[in-house]
Amino acid sequence: MLLNTQHQSTSEDLPKGLPVISVEGVSKKFCRDLKRSLFYGIQDIAADFAGGRQHSDRLRPKEFWALQSVSFQLYPGQAVGLVGSNGAGKSTLLRIISGLIKPDTGKVRIRGRLAPLIALGAGFNPILTGRENIFANMSILGLTTRQIRQRFQDVVEFAEIEEAIDSPVQTYSSGMAARLGFACAIYTEPEILLIDEVLAVGDARFKAKCYRRLYELRQKGVAFILVNHNSQSILNICDTAIYLSRGSLMAYGEVNTVIDQYEADLFLTGTERSENRLTFPARLPQESTGIDIRALFFRDAQGEPTQTLLTGEPLSFCLTCESHSSYSGVTFDLRIVKVGGEDSVGNVLTIRGQTDQAFFQISPGLSELQLNLPYLGLSPGTYAAQVRLRKDSIYTFEIVESFRFSVVAHCDVNKCQFYQPRTWTLVPAN
C-alpha cells in the first residue's frame, strides 16, 4: 500500500503530459458494527507498527467494500465528474485522494498543490474571526503569510462578507461560512481541486459566480474532481466522468456517455432514448402514483413528430401520459437549462402550466399534453429539461429529471442566448 503525500509546487513545475492524480486499484473497507470496527482499528494499528497489515484485500466479519479496485487518472486542466447514488463511495474516494484516510489496497499519487473542498468551513475555529480564520485556513493549504496578505482582499470580496470579517465565525450563518471556505480554497491557486457537493452554497447569483470562477481556473490549467448529484452541473463543467455504484467503477470516460448510463440506472430503467425523444415503459396500476409519463418528444408546425428542432420555427413540446383513473387539474412544468460552456449556469427557460391556468381533465388511458410554441426561441446548443407532471400545482405524479435535446439553426444567431424572430422595414421619413 502506498499513499503519496502532496507536495507544494507551481503549475510550471508540473510535468507536461503527466497526470496530476493517479489512482491505481484503490480499495477501502469499513465495518458496520461499531465495536468490531474499534477492535479492527486497534488490530490494524498494531499490524502497521509490526511491519504491515496482512490480507488487507480480504473482508473480515461485518465488513464491506466502500470502494473496490478503482483506477483512473486526472490531467492538468481536466475536469472529472464523479457520479453515483448515495453510498456509492464518492466521498470516500475524495477523502482517500486528499489524504484524510488511507486505502486498504492500491495507491494514489499526487503531483501539485491540492485543495480539498469537501466540507467547507469545517476547519474554521468558531471563536476566531473571519480574518483570523482566513490566515489559519490558507496557511494549512500551503500559503505563506505574505501570500495570504496579497490575496486577503480578493478572498473577502469573493465571499461577500466584508461587514462580518472581524466577527467570530460562530456568528456566521452556514452559508457565510461555506462561502468563506470556498473563497479560501480557490485563492490558494491550487493545481488540483476536490469539490464534494459544495456548490450549493448561497443564492443562485453566488452559485453562478462559483461556476464562473471554476471555469476560469480550468482555463488556467487547474484540474478538478467534482461530486454533484445534479447531472447538469457535471455536464456543464466536466469533459470526463466516473460512475461509481456500491464501491465499484461502473463507467469511466466521455461525460455524456457516462451520465447517460448513470441516469438510465438511476431512474430510466427500461427507458428508450433516441434523438430528442424519451420513451418510458408501462407500469402496473399498483406501481403507479396515478398518472405515468410514457413519452417526451416534439412535433413540428404540421403536427408531425420531429427530431429536428430549429431555432425560430414553430414547435410543440409533447408529453404522453397514461392514467389509471380520472383526474382533473392536471398540468406539467418545464424547466430548461443549457448544457456545457461558461454561461450554462441557471435556468434558460421555466414554464409552469399553473401560471397559464393550463389545467386538463384526464381520462383513463393514454393522453397527450402539448405545450405549443409559436416559435422556438432557444439558440443552437444542447439543453436538458426537467419535467414535472402535477395535479392542482401541489401533488406531483412524476418527475423526469433530465430530458436532453439539441437545437440547431438555419441562420446565424450571433451567439445570442435567445433568438428573436423579426422583420426589417424601410419607411419614408416625414
Protein backbone atom coordinates (compact mmCIF):
# COMPACT_ATOMS: atom_id res chain seq x y z
CA MET A 1 0.00 0.00 0.00
CA LEU A 2 1.31 3.42 -0.93
CA LEU A 3 -0.25 6.83 -0.44
CA ASN A 4 2.00 9.63 -1.64
CA THR A 5 1.68 12.82 0.37
CA GLN A 6 1.08 16.03 -1.58
CA HIS A 7 3.93 18.48 -2.11
CA GLN A 8 3.88 22.15 -2.92
CA SER A 9 4.69 23.23 -6.45
CA THR A 10 3.68 25.69 -9.10
CA SER A 11 1.94 24.86 -12.35
CA GLU A 12 5.23 25.45 -14.19
CA ASP A 13 6.82 22.67 -12.11
CA LEU A 14 4.22 20.11 -13.14
CA PRO A 15 5.46 17.59 -15.70
CA LYS A 16 3.76 18.25 -19.02
CA GLY A 17 1.62 15.35 -20.14
CA LEU A 18 1.81 13.55 -16.80
CA PRO A 19 -1.29 13.08 -14.64
CA VAL A 20 -1.67 15.25 -11.54
CA ILE A 21 -3.59 12.43 -9.86
CA SER A 22 -3.09 8.70 -10.43
CA VAL A 23 -5.47 6.34 -8.64
CA GLU A 24 -4.39 2.73 -9.09
CA GLY A 25 -6.50 -0.17 -7.82
CA VAL A 26 -7.71 1.66 -4.72
CA SER A 27 -9.97 -0.25 -2.32
CA LYS A 28 -11.35 0.72 1.08
CA LYS A 29 -13.41 -1.34 3.51
CA PHE A 30 -15.46 -0.33 6.53
CA CYS A 31 -17.20 -2.22 9.30
CA ARG A 32 -20.90 -1.85 10.01
CA ASP A 33 -20.53 -2.83 13.67
CA LEU A 34 -19.05 -0.12 15.93
CA LYS A 35 -17.42 -2.47 18.47
CA ARG A 36 -15.88 -4.63 15.77
CA SER A 37 -14.75 -1.52 13.93
CA LEU A 38 -12.88 -0.28 17.01
CA PHE A 39 -11.36 -3.74 17.51
CA TYR A 40 -10.28 -3.95 13.87
CA GLY A 41 -8.80 -0.46 14.13
CA ILE A 42 -6.63 -1.48 17.06
CA GLN A 43 -5.58 -4.60 15.17
CA ASP A 44 -4.62 -2.58 12.10
CA ILE A 45 -2.60 -0.05 14.11
CA ALA A 46 -0.72 -2.86 15.81
CA ALA A 47 -0.10 -4.53 12.45
CA ASP A 48 1.24 -1.26 10.98
CA PHE A 49 3.73 -0.94 13.82
CA ALA A 50 4.73 -4.58 13.37
CA GLY A 51 5.61 -4.07 9.72
CA GLY A 52 2.44 -4.01 7.65
CA ARG A 53 -1.03 -5.45 7.54
CA GLN A 54 -1.72 -8.92 6.27
CA HIS A 55 -4.63 -9.82 3.99
CA SER A 56 -5.86 -6.24 3.67
CA ASP A 57 -7.62 -7.34 0.49
CA ARG A 58 -9.97 -9.64 2.40
CA LEU A 59 -13.15 -8.82 4.27
CA ARG A 60 -13.50 -9.67 7.94
CA PRO A 61 -16.89 -10.37 9.58
CA LYS A 62 -19.31 -7.40 9.32
CA GLU A 63 -17.02 -5.54 6.87
CA PHE A 64 -17.96 -4.33 3.37
CA TRP A 65 -16.17 -2.69 0.47
CA ALA A 66 -16.87 1.06 0.28
CA LEU A 67 -14.50 1.13 -2.72
CA GLN A 68 -13.08 -1.78 -4.67
CA SER A 69 -10.35 -1.70 -7.31
CA VAL A 70 -10.94 1.86 -8.55
CA SER A 71 -8.42 3.25 -11.04
CA PHE A 72 -8.30 6.47 -13.07
CA GLN A 73 -6.04 9.43 -13.90
CA LEU A 74 -6.54 13.20 -13.85
CA TYR A 75 -4.50 15.51 -16.09
CA PRO A 76 -3.82 19.26 -15.91
CA GLY A 77 -6.85 21.28 -16.99
CA GLN A 78 -9.12 18.23 -16.95
CA ALA A 79 -12.46 18.24 -15.12
CA VAL A 80 -13.80 14.87 -13.97
CA GLY A 81 -17.32 14.49 -12.68
CA LEU A 82 -17.89 11.84 -10.01
CA VAL A 83 -21.46 10.50 -10.00
CA GLY A 84 -23.32 7.77 -8.19
CA SER A 85 -26.16 7.31 -5.75
CA ASN A 86 -25.77 7.81 -2.00
CA GLY A 87 -23.36 5.25 -0.55
CA ALA A 88 -21.63 4.65 -3.87
CA GLY A 89 -18.21 5.62 -2.45
CA LYS A 90 -17.76 9.10 -3.91
CA SER A 91 -16.88 10.92 -0.69
CA THR A 92 -14.70 8.01 0.44
CA LEU A 93 -12.70 8.29 -2.78
CA LEU A 94 -12.19 12.03 -2.33
CA ARG A 95 -11.09 11.55 1.28
CA ILE A 96 -8.53 8.98 0.18
CA ILE A 97 -7.19 11.29 -2.53
CA SER A 98 -6.99 14.21 -0.08
CA GLY A 99 -5.06 12.08 2.42
CA LEU A 100 -7.70 12.12 5.17
CA ILE A 101 -7.92 8.31 5.16
CA LYS A 102 -5.72 5.56 3.80
CA PRO A 103 -6.77 2.91 1.29
CA ASP A 104 -6.62 -0.74 2.25
CA THR A 105 -5.18 -1.66 -1.14
CA GLY A 106 -3.87 0.30 -4.10
CA LYS A 107 -2.06 3.64 -4.29
CA VAL A 108 -2.67 7.30 -5.01
CA ARG A 109 -0.04 9.62 -6.48
CA ILE A 110 -0.47 13.40 -6.29
CA ARG A 111 1.57 15.95 -8.27
CA GLY A 112 0.93 19.56 -7.29
CA ARG A 113 -0.87 21.56 -4.63
CA LEU A 114 -4.22 20.04 -3.77
CA ALA A 115 -7.15 21.97 -2.25
CA PRO A 116 -10.00 19.79 -0.95
CA LEU A 117 -13.42 21.45 -0.88
CA ILE A 118 -15.02 18.55 0.95
CA ALA A 119 -16.57 20.24 3.99
CA LEU A 120 -16.40 23.98 3.53
CA GLY A 121 -15.79 25.81 6.78
CA ALA A 122 -15.39 22.57 8.74
CA GLY A 123 -11.83 23.54 9.71
CA PHE A 124 -12.74 27.02 10.93
CA ASN A 125 -12.33 27.87 14.61
CA PRO A 126 -15.72 29.29 15.64
CA ILE A 127 -14.17 31.55 18.27
CA LEU A 128 -11.76 33.22 15.86
CA THR A 129 -12.88 35.97 13.48
CA GLY A 130 -13.25 35.51 9.75
CA ARG A 131 -9.99 37.40 9.26
CA GLU A 132 -8.09 35.11 11.61
CA ASN A 133 -9.62 32.00 10.09
CA ILE A 134 -8.56 33.09 6.59
CA PHE A 135 -4.92 33.23 7.70
CA ALA A 136 -5.18 29.91 9.58
CA ASN A 137 -7.04 28.07 6.81
CA MET A 138 -4.93 29.25 3.90
CA SER A 139 -1.68 28.59 5.77
CA ILE A 140 -2.82 24.99 6.25
CA LEU A 141 -3.36 24.83 2.49
CA GLY A 142 0.29 25.80 1.95
CA LEU A 143 0.44 29.60 1.60
CA THR A 144 2.87 31.90 3.37
CA THR A 145 1.70 34.86 5.44
CA ARG A 146 2.87 37.22 2.71
CA GLN A 147 0.91 35.35 0.05
CA ILE A 148 -2.21 35.37 2.22
CA ARG A 149 -1.95 39.13 2.75
CA GLN A 150 -1.70 39.64 -1.00
CA ARG A 151 -4.89 37.63 -1.61
CA PHE A 152 -6.80 38.56 1.53
CA GLN A 153 -8.98 41.24 -0.03
CA ASP A 154 -9.82 39.04 -3.02
CA VAL A 155 -11.00 36.30 -0.64
CA VAL A 156 -13.18 38.70 1.35
CA GLU A 157 -14.72 40.25 -1.75
CA PHE A 158 -15.45 36.89 -3.34
CA ALA A 159 -17.07 35.56 -0.15
CA GLU A 160 -19.07 38.80 0.18
CA ILE A 161 -18.60 39.07 3.96
CA GLU A 162 -16.84 42.45 4.25
CA GLU A 163 -19.09 43.65 7.08
CA ALA A 164 -18.60 40.47 9.13
CA ILE A 165 -14.90 39.82 8.51
CA ASP A 166 -13.90 40.85 12.06
CA SER A 167 -16.74 38.99 13.76
CA PRO A 168 -16.33 35.48 15.22
CA VAL A 169 -17.19 32.75 12.73
CA GLN A 170 -19.65 31.30 15.25
CA THR A 171 -21.88 34.30 14.46
CA TYR A 172 -21.88 33.47 10.74
CA SER A 173 -24.70 31.67 9.01
CA SER A 174 -23.85 28.28 7.47
CA GLY A 175 -23.95 29.91 4.02
CA MET A 176 -21.49 32.66 5.03
CA ALA A 177 -19.04 30.10 6.46
CA ALA A 178 -19.32 27.94 3.32
CA ARG A 179 -18.71 30.92 1.04
CA LEU A 180 -15.63 31.86 3.04
CA GLY A 181 -14.32 28.29 2.85
CA PHE A 182 -14.84 28.19 -0.91
CA ALA A 183 -13.06 31.54 -1.36
CA CYS A 184 -10.10 30.41 0.77
CA ALA A 185 -9.68 27.22 -1.26
CA ILE A 186 -9.83 28.75 -4.73
CA TYR A 187 -7.43 31.60 -3.90
CA THR A 188 -4.67 29.22 -2.81
CA GLU A 189 -4.08 28.82 -6.57
CA PRO A 190 -4.05 25.01 -6.43
CA GLU A 191 -3.22 22.68 -9.28
CA ILE A 192 -5.98 20.29 -8.15
CA LEU A 193 -9.41 20.92 -6.65
CA LEU A 194 -11.57 18.27 -4.99
CA ILE A 195 -15.16 19.50 -4.82
CA ASP A 196 -17.72 17.44 -2.90
CA GLU A 197 -21.30 18.76 -3.13
CA VAL A 198 -20.29 22.26 -2.02
CA LEU A 199 -21.57 24.30 -4.96
CA ALA A 200 -25.00 24.55 -3.37
CA VAL A 201 -23.85 27.40 -1.13
CA GLY A 202 -25.50 30.78 -1.32
CA ASP A 203 -28.18 32.02 -3.67
CA ALA A 204 -28.42 31.48 -7.42
CA ARG A 205 -26.27 34.54 -8.14
CA PHE A 206 -23.46 33.30 -5.89
CA LYS A 207 -23.66 29.79 -7.35
CA ALA A 208 -23.24 31.29 -10.82
CA LYS A 209 -20.19 33.21 -9.60
CA CYS A 210 -18.69 29.99 -8.23
CA TYR A 211 -19.20 28.22 -11.55
CA ARG A 212 -17.64 31.12 -13.45
CA ARG A 213 -14.62 31.00 -11.15
CA LEU A 214 -14.22 27.27 -11.70
CA TYR A 215 -14.43 27.84 -15.44
CA GLU A 216 -11.65 30.45 -15.20
CA LEU A 217 -9.48 28.15 -13.10
CA ARG A 218 -9.88 25.34 -15.59
CA GLN A 219 -8.77 27.65 -18.42
CA LYS A 220 -5.60 28.26 -16.39
CA GLY A 221 -4.86 24.54 -16.23
CA VAL A 222 -6.35 23.68 -12.82
CA ALA A 223 -7.68 20.12 -12.73
CA PHE A 224 -10.56 19.13 -10.52
CA ILE A 225 -12.88 16.36 -9.49
CA LEU A 226 -16.49 17.42 -8.96
CA VAL A 227 -19.04 15.42 -6.98
CA ASN A 228 -22.61 16.52 -7.60
CA HIS A 229 -25.96 14.74 -7.68
CA ASN A 230 -27.14 17.23 -10.29
CA SER A 231 -26.19 15.74 -13.64
CA GLN A 232 -26.46 19.12 -15.35
CA SER A 233 -23.71 20.56 -13.16
CA ILE A 234 -21.45 17.69 -14.23
CA LEU A 235 -22.34 18.16 -17.90
CA ASN A 236 -21.80 21.92 -17.72
CA ILE A 237 -18.29 21.75 -16.26
CA CYS A 238 -16.73 18.36 -16.91
CA ASP A 239 -15.43 16.64 -20.03
CA THR A 240 -14.92 13.25 -18.35
CA ALA A 241 -16.98 11.40 -15.76
CA ILE A 242 -16.65 8.48 -13.36
CA TYR A 243 -19.70 6.46 -12.33
CA LEU A 244 -19.49 4.55 -9.04
CA SER A 245 -22.06 2.08 -7.74
CA ARG A 246 -21.65 0.31 -4.39
CA GLY A 247 -17.95 0.99 -4.45
CA SER A 248 -17.34 -0.40 -7.91
CA LEU A 249 -16.29 1.53 -11.01
CA MET A 250 -19.20 1.15 -13.43
CA ALA A 251 -18.07 3.55 -16.17
CA TYR A 252 -15.21 5.97 -16.86
CA GLY A 253 -14.93 8.09 -19.98
CA GLU A 254 -16.65 10.80 -22.03
CA VAL A 255 -19.07 12.73 -19.82
CA ASN A 256 -22.25 12.38 -21.92
CA THR A 257 -21.84 8.62 -22.26
CA VAL A 258 -21.22 8.11 -18.53
CA ILE A 259 -24.09 10.39 -17.46
CA ASP A 260 -26.42 8.53 -19.85
CA GLN A 261 -25.55 5.24 -18.15
CA TYR A 262 -25.85 6.74 -14.65
CA GLU A 263 -29.26 8.30 -15.35
CA ALA A 264 -30.51 5.14 -17.03
CA ASP A 265 -29.55 3.05 -13.98
CA LEU A 266 -30.90 5.65 -11.55
CA PHE A 267 -34.35 6.46 -12.88
CA LEU A 268 -34.61 5.45 -16.52
CA THR A 269 -34.57 1.67 -16.23
CA GLY A 270 -36.31 0.26 -19.28
CA THR A 271 -36.33 3.64 -20.98
CA GLU A 272 -35.68 4.02 -24.71
CA ARG A 273 -33.70 7.11 -25.60
CA SER A 274 -33.37 8.37 -29.16
CA GLU A 275 -32.51 11.76 -30.60
CA ASN A 276 -34.77 14.38 -28.95
CA ARG A 277 -37.16 11.71 -27.69
CA LEU A 278 -37.55 9.71 -24.46
CA THR A 279 -39.91 6.74 -24.11
CA PHE A 280 -40.81 5.08 -20.81
CA PRO A 281 -42.14 1.57 -20.13
CA ALA A 282 -45.70 0.95 -18.94
CA ARG A 283 -46.34 0.38 -15.25
CA LEU A 284 -48.81 -1.75 -13.37
CA PRO A 285 -51.54 0.20 -11.54
CA GLN A 286 -50.13 -0.81 -8.16
CA GLU A 287 -46.72 0.62 -9.14
CA SER A 288 -48.15 3.94 -10.31
CA THR A 289 -48.81 7.21 -8.48
CA GLY A 290 -51.91 7.72 -10.66
CA ILE A 291 -50.57 9.05 -13.95
CA ASP A 292 -47.33 7.90 -15.57
CA ILE A 293 -45.22 9.72 -18.15
CA ARG A 294 -44.85 7.44 -21.18
CA ALA A 295 -43.00 9.69 -23.66
CA LEU A 296 -41.42 13.12 -24.13
CA PHE A 297 -40.95 14.34 -27.69
CA PHE A 298 -41.58 17.22 -30.12
CA ARG A 299 -43.96 18.00 -33.01
CA ASP A 300 -43.37 20.42 -35.86
CA ALA A 301 -45.71 23.09 -37.26
CA GLN A 302 -47.66 20.42 -39.17
CA GLY A 303 -48.19 18.39 -36.01
CA GLU A 304 -45.82 15.61 -37.05
CA PRO A 305 -43.27 14.14 -34.62
CA THR A 306 -39.84 15.62 -35.33
CA GLN A 307 -36.28 15.13 -34.22
CA THR A 308 -35.08 18.37 -35.82
CA LEU A 309 -35.54 21.37 -33.53
CA LEU A 310 -34.92 24.61 -35.44
CA THR A 311 -34.34 27.96 -33.78
CA GLY A 312 -37.11 30.40 -34.73
CA GLU A 313 -39.51 27.72 -36.05
CA PRO A 314 -42.89 26.70 -34.55
CA LEU A 315 -42.62 23.75 -32.20
CA SER A 316 -44.70 21.77 -29.70
CA PHE A 317 -43.29 20.08 -26.61
CA CYS A 318 -45.33 16.92 -26.12
CA LEU A 319 -45.88 14.72 -23.08
CA THR A 320 -47.68 11.40 -23.46
CA CYS A 321 -49.09 10.11 -20.20
CA GLU A 322 -51.06 7.04 -19.10
CA SER A 323 -53.71 7.47 -16.42
CA HIS A 324 -55.19 4.68 -14.33
CA SER A 325 -58.16 6.79 -13.25
CA SER A 326 -59.87 10.11 -13.98
CA TYR A 327 -58.18 13.27 -12.74
CA SER A 328 -58.91 16.97 -13.03
CA GLY A 329 -56.48 19.87 -12.69
CA VAL A 330 -53.60 18.06 -14.41
CA THR A 331 -50.71 20.12 -15.82
CA PHE A 332 -46.94 19.99 -16.17
CA ASP A 333 -43.97 22.26 -15.50
CA LEU A 334 -40.92 22.60 -17.74
CA ARG A 335 -37.52 23.83 -16.58
CA ILE A 336 -34.77 24.06 -19.21
CA VAL A 337 -31.04 24.58 -18.65
CA LYS A 338 -28.27 24.74 -21.24
CA VAL A 339 -25.61 22.06 -21.12
CA GLY A 340 -21.94 22.96 -21.47
CA GLY A 341 -19.98 26.21 -21.51
CA GLU A 342 -19.22 29.04 -19.14
CA ASP A 343 -22.66 30.62 -19.32
CA SER A 344 -24.67 27.46 -18.76
CA VAL A 345 -25.44 28.01 -15.08
CA GLY A 346 -29.06 28.64 -14.14
CA ASN A 347 -32.38 28.35 -15.92
CA VAL A 348 -32.69 29.28 -19.57
CA LEU A 349 -36.46 28.88 -19.55
CA THR A 350 -39.11 27.95 -16.98
CA ILE A 351 -42.75 27.44 -17.97
CA ARG A 352 -45.40 26.41 -15.44
CA GLY A 353 -48.79 25.20 -16.50
CA GLN A 354 -50.34 26.60 -13.33
CA THR A 355 -49.14 30.10 -14.24
CA ASP A 356 -51.01 29.91 -17.56
CA GLN A 357 -54.01 28.21 -15.88
CA ALA A 358 -53.45 25.26 -18.24
CA PHE A 359 -55.26 22.54 -16.27
CA PHE A 360 -56.71 19.48 -18.01
CA GLN A 361 -59.22 16.74 -17.33
CA ILE A 362 -57.51 13.39 -17.87
CA SER A 363 -59.47 10.19 -18.51
CA PRO A 364 -58.18 6.63 -18.04
CA GLY A 365 -55.81 5.56 -20.80
CA LEU A 366 -53.29 7.43 -22.90
CA SER A 367 -53.38 11.23 -23.32
CA GLU A 368 -51.02 13.75 -24.88
CA LEU A 369 -50.38 17.15 -23.33
CA GLN A 370 -48.85 19.76 -25.64
CA LEU A 371 -47.04 23.00 -24.94
CA ASN A 372 -47.31 24.88 -28.23
CA LEU A 373 -44.63 27.48 -29.04
CA PRO A 374 -45.26 29.89 -31.93
CA TYR A 375 -41.50 29.84 -32.39
CA LEU A 376 -38.54 28.22 -30.63
CA GLY A 377 -36.50 30.97 -29.03
CA LEU A 378 -33.64 28.77 -27.81
CA SER A 379 -30.32 29.36 -29.52
CA PRO A 380 -28.46 26.38 -31.03
CA GLY A 381 -26.94 24.02 -28.48
CA THR A 382 -27.67 21.14 -26.14
CA TYR A 383 -30.27 21.52 -23.40
CA ALA A 384 -31.71 19.48 -20.56
CA ALA A 385 -35.32 19.71 -19.39
CA GLN A 386 -36.77 18.80 -16.03
CA VAL A 387 -40.45 17.87 -16.39
CA ARG A 388 -42.96 17.65 -13.51
CA LEU A 389 -46.40 16.16 -14.13
CA ARG A 390 -48.68 17.63 -11.47
CA LYS A 391 -52.22 17.97 -10.18
CA ASP A 392 -53.54 21.31 -8.88
CA SER A 393 -49.96 22.62 -8.56
CA ILE A 394 -49.50 20.59 -5.37
CA TYR A 395 -49.47 16.86 -5.99
CA THR A 396 -46.68 15.57 -8.24
CA PHE A 397 -47.42 12.42 -10.20
CA GLU A 398 -43.93 12.02 -11.69
CA ILE A 399 -40.68 13.87 -12.36
CA VAL A 400 -38.26 13.38 -15.25
CA GLU A 401 -35.04 14.93 -14.02
CA SER A 402 -33.13 15.13 -17.29
CA PHE A 403 -34.55 15.01 -20.81
CA ARG A 404 -31.72 16.11 -23.08
CA PHE A 405 -32.31 17.54 -26.54
CA SER A 406 -30.42 19.52 -29.18
CA VAL A 407 -31.40 22.65 -31.08
CA VAL A 408 -29.95 23.67 -34.46
CA ALA A 409 -30.34 26.79 -36.62
CA HIS A 410 -30.53 27.52 -40.33
CA CYS A 411 -29.25 31.08 -39.87
CA ASP A 412 -26.63 32.99 -37.87
CA VAL A 413 -27.93 33.93 -34.39
CA ASN A 414 -24.76 35.85 -33.48
CA LYS A 415 -24.07 33.76 -30.37
CA CYS A 416 -27.19 35.07 -28.63
CA GLN A 417 -28.68 33.30 -25.64
CA PHE A 418 -32.15 33.82 -27.11
CA TYR A 419 -33.44 34.08 -30.67
CA GLN A 420 -35.96 36.79 -31.50
CA PRO A 421 -37.86 36.40 -34.81
CA ARG A 422 -38.03 39.77 -36.60
CA THR A 423 -38.65 41.62 -39.85
CA TRP A 424 -36.96 44.72 -41.26
CA THR A 425 -38.75 47.64 -42.94
CA LEU A 426 -37.72 50.86 -44.66
CA VAL A 427 -40.31 53.64 -44.36
CA PRO A 428 -40.15 57.14 -45.88
CA ALA A 429 -39.17 59.85 -43.42
CA ASN A 430 -41.69 62.62 -42.77
